[in-house]
């Protein structure tokens, strides 16, 4: 789906005074699906397009191609040749470059900057978009909603912090403590602690990306197998743990598939 259709879907929804959650509830899809339509990432199927045209009160052609200006039979010279008084419509303020524009009127405040950023403040709330992508908006109840892109950036910042955390040094310190203090098997078995290094970083990655399949579950199984075998001599029954590896990935793949279907 091209960006023009995505922008049109966004404008129609904003003009109707609907939030993404409210529109999604009317159609029977997730809010993420509506967000992806308006960011031109995914195209709504035929059934959803029909529902959208009914909700917005337009035809499918108008929804996909926009209003056909040539269909207007009545010329409107007053809109072209005259300028409405500021008290009735809006006050237009242009930057010196002519690319920045501010519209202030009874319908609200609308700002279009030369870098592609748009800010709209009206009865429906506050909307901020960049290059056709809506990032942040505040609804009429004062609730702040952030796009997935903004949320991903925030999560990425937290992710980078934890990924840069020097966990290997903690593992080394633990191994030295086990050896010098002769605890947890001392030097002979203390090396098992190094298995926690890949476990830590893959766990952070799995949490940040919300995908459990990124976690190094087989490493956890090997670590548990060695602990049960070396410390408790349970080599024979402990091998059953390896049977859980394919089960783990079957479950995680089913969860990921369910998420993908929900977002479509």
Protein backbone atom coordinates (compact mmCIF):
# COMPACT_ATOMS: atom_id res chain seq x y z
CA UNK A 1 0.00 0.00 0.00
CA UNK A 2 1.40 3.40 -0.98
CA UNK A 3 1.87 6.28 1.42
CA UNK A 4 -0.96 8.32 -0.16
CA UNK A 5 -3.55 5.69 0.78
CA UNK A 6 -2.05 5.37 4.26
CA UNK A 7 -2.25 9.13 4.78
CA UNK A 8 -5.83 9.10 3.50
CA UNK A 9 -6.81 6.40 6.00
CA UNK A 10 -5.23 8.43 8.79
CA UNK A 11 -7.00 11.65 7.74
CA UNK A 12 -10.39 9.93 7.43
CA UNK A 13 -10.04 8.42 10.91
CA UNK A 14 -8.92 11.72 12.43
CA UNK A 15 -11.81 13.57 10.79
CA UNK A 16 -14.23 11.01 12.24
CA UNK A 17 -12.79 11.66 15.71
CA UNK A 18 -11.87 8.00 16.22
CA UNK A 19 -8.81 6.63 17.98
CA UNK A 20 -6.99 3.63 16.56
CA UNK A 21 -8.42 1.47 19.35
CA UNK A 22 -11.99 2.60 18.63
CA UNK A 23 -11.63 2.01 14.89
CA UNK A 24 -10.05 -1.41 15.46
CA UNK A 25 -12.96 -2.38 17.72
CA UNK A 26 -15.51 -1.34 15.08
CA UNK A 27 -13.80 -3.40 12.37
CA UNK A 28 -12.80 -6.34 14.56
CA UNK A 29 -9.01 -6.13 14.19
CA UNK A 30 -6.14 -5.21 16.50
CA UNK A 31 -4.93 -1.66 17.10
CA UNK A 32 -1.55 -2.73 15.72
CA UNK A 33 -3.20 -3.65 12.42
CA UNK A 34 -4.76 -0.18 12.10
CA UNK A 35 -1.40 1.39 12.98
CA UNK A 36 0.34 -0.63 10.25
CA UNK A 37 -2.30 0.42 7.67
CA UNK A 38 -1.71 4.08 8.48
CA UNK A 39 2.08 3.64 8.31
CA UNK A 40 1.84 1.95 4.88
CA UNK A 41 3.39 -1.26 6.24
CA UNK A 42 0.42 -3.55 5.55
CA UNK A 43 -2.60 -3.22 3.23
CA UNK A 44 -6.07 -3.97 4.63
CA UNK A 45 -7.85 -6.81 2.86
CA UNK A 46 -11.01 -6.33 0.79
CA UNK A 47 -13.40 -6.98 3.68
CA UNK A 48 -11.64 -4.44 5.89
CA UNK A 49 -11.59 -1.87 3.07
CA UNK A 50 -15.36 -2.27 2.67
CA UNK A 51 -15.85 -1.80 6.42
CA UNK A 52 -13.62 1.28 6.39
CA UNK A 53 -15.57 2.82 3.50
CA UNK A 54 -18.84 2.25 5.39
CA UNK A 55 -17.50 3.79 8.60
CA UNK A 56 -16.04 6.82 6.80
CA UNK A 57 -19.08 7.21 4.53
CA UNK A 58 -17.09 7.15 1.28
CA UNK A 59 -16.83 4.82 -1.71
CA UNK A 60 -13.98 2.39 -2.21
CA UNK A 61 -12.70 4.53 -5.09
CA UNK A 62 -12.58 7.60 -2.85
CA UNK A 63 -10.89 5.57 -0.12
CA UNK A 64 -8.19 4.22 -2.46
CA UNK A 65 -7.84 7.00 -5.04
CA UNK A 66 -9.11 10.06 -3.21
CA UNK A 67 -11.94 12.37 -4.17
CA UNK A 68 -12.19 12.97 -7.90
CA UNK A 69 -12.01 16.74 -8.21
CA UNK A 70 -13.12 16.58 -11.86
CA UNK A 71 -16.50 15.24 -10.72
CA UNK A 72 -17.43 18.60 -9.22
CA UNK A 73 -19.91 20.30 -11.54
CA UNK A 74 -20.10 23.57 -9.65
CA UNK A 75 -16.99 25.76 -9.91
CA UNK A 76 -15.95 27.36 -6.66
CA UNK A 77 -14.10 30.53 -7.65
CA UNK A 78 -14.49 31.99 -4.19
CA UNK A 79 -12.05 29.40 -2.83
CA UNK A 80 -9.50 30.18 -5.53
CA UNK A 81 -9.80 33.86 -6.09
CA UNK A 82 -10.72 35.13 -2.64
CA UNK A 83 -9.34 34.63 0.81
CA UNK A 84 -11.66 34.05 3.74
CA UNK A 85 -11.45 36.51 6.65
CA UNK A 86 -9.33 35.31 9.54
CA UNK A 87 -12.23 35.57 11.97
CA UNK A 88 -14.31 33.06 9.97
CA UNK A 89 -11.77 30.48 8.88
CA UNK A 90 -8.09 30.66 9.84
CA UNK A 91 -4.98 32.77 10.06
CA UNK A 92 -2.14 31.57 7.83
CA UNK A 93 1.42 32.31 8.90
CA UNK A 94 4.26 31.32 6.56
CA UNK A 95 7.95 31.13 7.32
CA UNK A 96 10.31 33.18 5.19
CA UNK A 97 11.28 30.09 3.17
CA UNK A 98 7.64 29.50 2.30
CA UNK A 99 7.86 25.84 3.33
CA UNK A 100 6.69 26.16 6.95
CA UNK A 101 3.00 26.78 7.49
CA UNK A 102 0.82 27.41 10.52
CA UNK A 103 -2.99 27.40 10.33
CA UNK A 104 -4.89 28.74 13.32
CA UNK A 105 -8.66 28.78 13.28
CA UNK A 106 -11.87 27.47 14.75
CA UNK A 107 -11.00 23.93 13.66
CA UNK A 108 -7.77 23.98 15.64
CA UNK A 109 -4.07 24.56 15.11
CA UNK A 110 -2.24 22.76 12.30
CA UNK A 111 1.51 23.05 11.78
CA UNK A 112 3.35 21.73 8.71
CA UNK A 113 7.12 22.13 8.87
CA UNK A 114 9.60 21.86 6.03
CA UNK A 115 11.19 18.74 7.56
CA UNK A 116 7.94 16.77 7.09
CA UNK A 117 6.74 17.04 10.69
CA UNK A 118 3.03 17.75 11.20
CA UNK A 119 1.32 18.75 14.42
CA UNK A 120 -2.47 19.00 14.71
CA UNK A 121 -4.29 20.29 17.78
CA UNK A 122 -8.06 20.11 17.51
CA UNK A 123 -11.15 18.81 19.28
CA UNK A 124 -10.00 15.24 18.72
CA UNK A 125 -6.71 15.71 20.58
CA UNK A 126 -3.06 16.31 19.74
CA UNK A 127 -1.47 14.45 16.81
CA UNK A 128 2.20 14.39 15.85
CA UNK A 129 3.37 12.74 12.63
CA UNK A 130 6.56 12.71 10.59
CA UNK A 131 6.78 11.95 6.85
CA UNK A 132 3.24 10.57 6.91
CA UNK A 133 3.83 8.34 9.93
CA UNK A 134 1.89 9.08 13.10
CA UNK A 135 4.17 8.87 16.14
CA UNK A 136 2.39 10.35 19.15
CA UNK A 137 -1.13 11.55 19.78
CA UNK A 138 -3.24 12.53 22.77
CA UNK A 139 -6.92 11.63 22.65
CA UNK A 140 -9.80 13.69 24.01
CA UNK A 141 -9.46 11.99 27.40
CA UNK A 142 -5.85 13.15 27.74
CA UNK A 143 -4.34 9.70 27.24
CA UNK A 144 -1.00 9.70 25.43
CA UNK A 145 -0.60 7.05 22.72
CA UNK A 146 2.73 6.21 21.12
CA UNK A 147 3.35 4.46 17.82
CA UNK A 148 5.16 1.14 17.69
CA UNK A 149 8.14 2.95 16.19
CA UNK A 150 8.50 5.23 19.21
CA UNK A 151 7.97 2.33 21.61
CA UNK A 152 10.61 0.31 19.76
CA UNK A 153 13.10 3.19 20.08
CA UNK A 154 12.48 3.41 23.82
CA UNK A 155 12.85 -0.34 24.20
CA UNK A 156 16.00 -0.28 22.07
CA UNK A 157 17.54 2.30 24.41
CA UNK A 158 16.85 0.06 27.41
CA UNK A 159 18.01 -2.96 25.40
CA UNK A 160 21.35 -1.32 24.57
CA UNK A 161 21.94 -0.52 28.24
CA UNK A 162 21.44 -4.11 29.37
CA UNK A 163 23.33 -5.53 26.39
CA UNK A 164 26.33 -3.33 27.27
CA UNK A 165 26.23 -4.49 30.90
CA UNK A 166 29.56 -6.30 31.61
CA UNK A 167 27.99 -9.57 32.73
CA UNK A 168 31.06 -11.70 31.75
CA UNK A 169 33.09 -9.96 34.48
CA UNK A 170 30.46 -11.02 37.02
CA UNK A 171 30.76 -14.61 35.78
CA UNK A 172 34.56 -14.45 36.11
CA UNK A 173 34.30 -13.00 39.63
CA UNK A 174 31.87 -15.77 40.60
CA UNK A 175 34.20 -18.44 39.22
CA UNK A 176 37.16 -17.03 41.16
CA UNK A 177 35.04 -16.88 44.33
CA UNK A 178 33.95 -20.51 43.88
CA UNK A 179 37.58 -21.55 43.40
CA UNK A 180 39.28 -19.63 46.20
CA UNK A 181 36.47 -20.27 48.70
CA UNK A 182 36.02 -23.85 47.53
CA UNK A 183 32.24 -23.57 47.22
CA UNK A 184 29.89 -24.92 44.55
CA UNK A 185 32.49 -27.47 43.50
CA UNK A 186 35.44 -25.09 43.62
CA UNK A 187 37.71 -24.96 40.57
CA UNK A 188 36.54 -28.36 39.36
CA UNK A 189 32.88 -27.49 38.83
CA UNK A 190 32.79 -23.71 39.15
CA UNK A 191 33.37 -23.26 35.41
CA UNK A 192 29.69 -24.09 34.88
CA UNK A 193 28.96 -20.49 35.83
CA UNK A 194 30.19 -19.37 32.38
CA UNK A 195 27.05 -20.90 30.86
CA UNK A 196 25.17 -17.97 32.37
CA UNK A 197 26.85 -15.50 29.98
CA UNK A 198 24.99 -16.56 26.79
CA UNK A 199 21.87 -17.13 28.91
CA UNK A 200 21.97 -13.51 30.12
CA UNK A 201 22.38 -11.85 26.72
CA UNK A 202 19.88 -14.06 24.89
CA UNK A 203 17.36 -13.46 27.69
CA UNK A 204 17.75 -9.68 27.31
CA UNK A 205 17.36 -10.03 23.54
CA UNK A 206 14.26 -12.24 23.90
CA UNK A 207 12.61 -9.78 26.31
CA UNK A 208 13.40 -6.74 24.16
CA UNK A 209 12.12 -8.36 20.95
CA UNK A 210 9.29 -10.15 22.76
CA UNK A 211 10.30 -13.40 21.13
CA UNK A 212 11.07 -16.34 23.42
CA UNK A 213 12.74 -18.27 20.58
CA UNK A 214 15.74 -15.90 20.86
CA UNK A 215 16.52 -17.28 24.32
CA UNK A 216 19.33 -19.90 24.34
CA UNK A 217 17.16 -22.60 25.90
CA UNK A 218 19.48 -25.49 24.83
CA UNK A 219 22.32 -23.84 26.80
CA UNK A 220 20.08 -23.76 29.87
CA UNK A 221 19.30 -27.47 29.41
CA UNK A 222 23.01 -28.37 29.14
CA UNK A 223 23.78 -26.33 32.26
CA UNK A 224 20.99 -28.04 34.21
CA UNK A 225 22.15 -31.46 32.96
CA UNK A 226 25.72 -30.85 34.15
CA UNK A 227 24.61 -29.57 37.54
CA UNK A 228 22.36 -32.60 38.15
CA UNK A 229 25.07 -34.96 36.94
CA UNK A 230 28.18 -33.50 38.58
CA UNK A 231 26.63 -32.49 41.91
CA UNK A 232 23.99 -35.15 42.39
CA UNK A 233 25.07 -37.99 40.09
CA UNK A 234 21.71 -37.93 38.25
CA UNK A 235 23.14 -38.47 34.78
CA UNK A 236 20.59 -41.12 33.84
CA UNK A 237 17.27 -39.38 34.49
CA UNK A 238 18.68 -35.91 33.71
CA UNK A 239 19.06 -36.66 29.99
CA UNK A 240 15.26 -36.39 29.73
CA UNK A 241 15.74 -32.60 29.88
CA UNK A 242 17.02 -32.65 26.29
CA UNK A 243 13.58 -33.84 25.14
CA UNK A 244 12.17 -30.47 26.23
CA UNK A 245 14.27 -28.55 23.65
CA UNK A 246 12.08 -29.30 20.58
CA UNK A 247 8.96 -28.87 22.72
CA UNK A 248 10.16 -25.41 23.76
CA UNK A 249 10.66 -24.24 20.18
CA UNK A 250 7.35 -25.74 19.01
CA UNK A 251 5.57 -23.72 21.70
CA UNK A 252 7.46 -20.49 20.94
CA UNK A 253 6.81 -20.84 17.20
CA UNK A 254 3.09 -21.34 17.87
CA UNK A 255 3.06 -18.17 20.00
CA UNK A 256 4.89 -16.18 17.31
CA UNK A 257 2.50 -17.42 14.62
CA UNK A 258 -0.47 -16.39 16.76
CA UNK A 259 1.00 -12.88 17.16
CA UNK A 260 1.59 -12.55 13.41
CA UNK A 261 -1.98 -13.60 12.62
CA UNK A 262 -3.34 -11.16 15.21
CA UNK A 263 -1.41 -8.24 13.71
CA UNK A 264 -2.64 -8.90 10.16
